[in-house]
């Protein structure tokens, strides 16, 4: 992932977290939130306007979708069986796309 891709990912994730609200944000460790805010693209034009009907219509980057999936598995899903299956799905998506995701 390039610095530009990371900056876009962080901006999109930050916007998505703002949309979700404090109930979700509070479950993410402070160091991850800090890094998202530090590395996010400064001149980012928000994509979420009102209620989200279809997440695919947002046009978020591949890296953003994978990172949000990671947050979902690590911090938001409470059912262990679901965590395991979602984790496997993320791994398969990464393998099938031949892209590696180095976290912040």
Protein backbone atom coordinates (compact mmCIF):
# COMPACT_ATOMS: atom_id res chain seq x y z
CA UNK A 1 0.00 0.00 0.00
CA UNK A 2 1.35 3.41 -0.93
CA UNK A 3 1.29 6.44 1.37
CA UNK A 4 -1.44 7.95 -0.82
CA UNK A 5 -3.57 4.79 -0.57
CA UNK A 6 -3.06 4.70 3.20
CA UNK A 7 -4.09 8.36 3.54
CA UNK A 8 -7.26 7.73 1.54
CA UNK A 9 -8.05 4.57 3.52
CA UNK A 10 -7.65 6.41 6.83
CA UNK A 11 -9.87 9.28 5.66
CA UNK A 12 -12.58 6.90 4.48
CA UNK A 13 -12.40 4.81 7.66
CA UNK A 14 -12.56 7.97 9.78
CA UNK A 15 -15.66 9.12 7.90
CA UNK A 16 -17.27 5.69 8.28
CA UNK A 17 -16.54 5.63 12.01
CA UNK A 18 -18.11 9.07 12.40
CA UNK A 19 -21.19 7.71 10.63
CA UNK A 20 -21.37 4.66 12.93
CA UNK A 21 -21.00 6.68 16.10
CA UNK A 22 -19.48 6.37 19.54
CA UNK A 23 -20.87 2.90 20.29
CA UNK A 24 -18.55 1.48 17.63
CA UNK A 25 -15.68 3.94 17.99
CA UNK A 26 -15.33 3.22 21.71
CA UNK A 27 -14.54 -0.45 21.00
CA UNK A 28 -11.44 0.39 18.94
CA UNK A 29 -8.11 0.85 20.78
CA UNK A 30 -6.98 4.45 21.09
CA UNK A 31 -3.67 3.83 19.27
CA UNK A 32 -5.54 2.69 16.14
CA UNK A 33 -7.88 5.69 16.27
CA UNK A 34 -4.89 8.00 16.74
CA UNK A 35 -3.10 6.54 13.71
CA UNK A 36 -6.22 6.85 11.56
CA UNK A 37 -6.45 10.54 12.45
CA UNK A 38 -2.72 11.17 11.96
CA UNK A 39 -2.44 9.48 8.57
CA UNK A 40 -5.78 10.46 7.01
CA UNK A 41 -5.87 12.52 3.84
CA UNK A 42 -6.29 16.16 4.82
CA UNK A 43 -8.27 17.38 1.78
CA UNK A 44 -10.68 14.41 1.68
CA UNK A 45 -14.16 15.06 0.28
CA UNK A 46 -16.72 13.13 2.31
CA UNK A 47 -18.79 10.51 0.48
CA UNK A 48 -21.48 9.75 3.07
CA UNK A 49 -24.46 12.03 2.77
CA UNK A 50 -27.36 11.00 4.96
CA UNK A 51 -28.46 7.40 5.39
CA UNK A 52 -26.42 4.67 3.68
CA UNK A 53 -28.66 2.49 1.53
CA UNK A 54 -25.93 0.40 -0.10
CA UNK A 55 -22.33 0.39 1.12
CA UNK A 56 -21.13 -0.55 -2.36
CA UNK A 57 -22.37 2.80 -3.67
CA UNK A 58 -19.94 4.71 -1.46
CA UNK A 59 -17.01 3.89 -3.70
CA UNK A 60 -14.65 3.21 -0.81
CA UNK A 61 -11.24 1.84 -1.78
CA UNK A 62 -10.30 -1.82 -1.56
CA UNK A 63 -8.03 -1.10 1.41
CA UNK A 64 -10.82 0.75 3.23
CA UNK A 65 -13.21 -2.16 2.83
CA UNK A 66 -10.62 -4.64 4.08
CA UNK A 67 -9.73 -2.43 7.06
CA UNK A 68 -13.39 -1.95 8.00
CA UNK A 69 -13.80 -5.73 7.75
CA UNK A 70 -10.81 -6.12 10.06
CA UNK A 71 -12.36 -3.71 12.58
CA UNK A 72 -15.60 -5.65 12.36
CA UNK A 73 -13.90 -8.98 13.09
CA UNK A 74 -11.54 -7.73 15.78
CA UNK A 75 -13.70 -5.28 17.70
CA UNK A 76 -17.40 -5.36 16.78
CA UNK A 77 -18.45 -8.99 16.20
CA UNK A 78 -19.01 -10.74 19.51
CA UNK A 79 -19.92 -14.22 18.27
CA UNK A 80 -16.69 -16.30 18.07
CA UNK A 81 -17.94 -18.52 15.22
CA UNK A 82 -18.76 -15.45 13.14
CA UNK A 83 -15.38 -13.92 13.96
CA UNK A 84 -13.63 -17.00 12.64
CA UNK A 85 -15.64 -17.17 9.42
CA UNK A 86 -15.27 -13.42 8.76
CA UNK A 87 -11.53 -13.66 9.37
CA UNK A 88 -11.25 -16.46 6.83
CA UNK A 89 -13.29 -14.42 4.34
CA UNK A 90 -10.96 -11.43 4.69
CA UNK A 91 -7.95 -13.68 4.12
CA UNK A 92 -9.53 -15.18 0.99
CA UNK A 93 -10.34 -11.74 -0.40
CA UNK A 94 -6.75 -10.64 0.09
CA UNK A 95 -5.38 -13.79 -1.51
CA UNK A 96 -7.73 -13.59 -4.48
CA UNK A 97 -6.86 -9.97 -5.17
CA UNK A 98 -3.08 -10.46 -4.83
CA UNK A 99 -2.91 -7.35 -2.63
CA UNK A 100 -1.26 -7.27 0.72
CA UNK A 101 -2.55 -5.08 3.51
CA UNK A 102 0.04 -3.76 5.87
CA UNK A 103 -1.83 -2.23 8.78
CA UNK A 104 -1.04 1.34 9.75
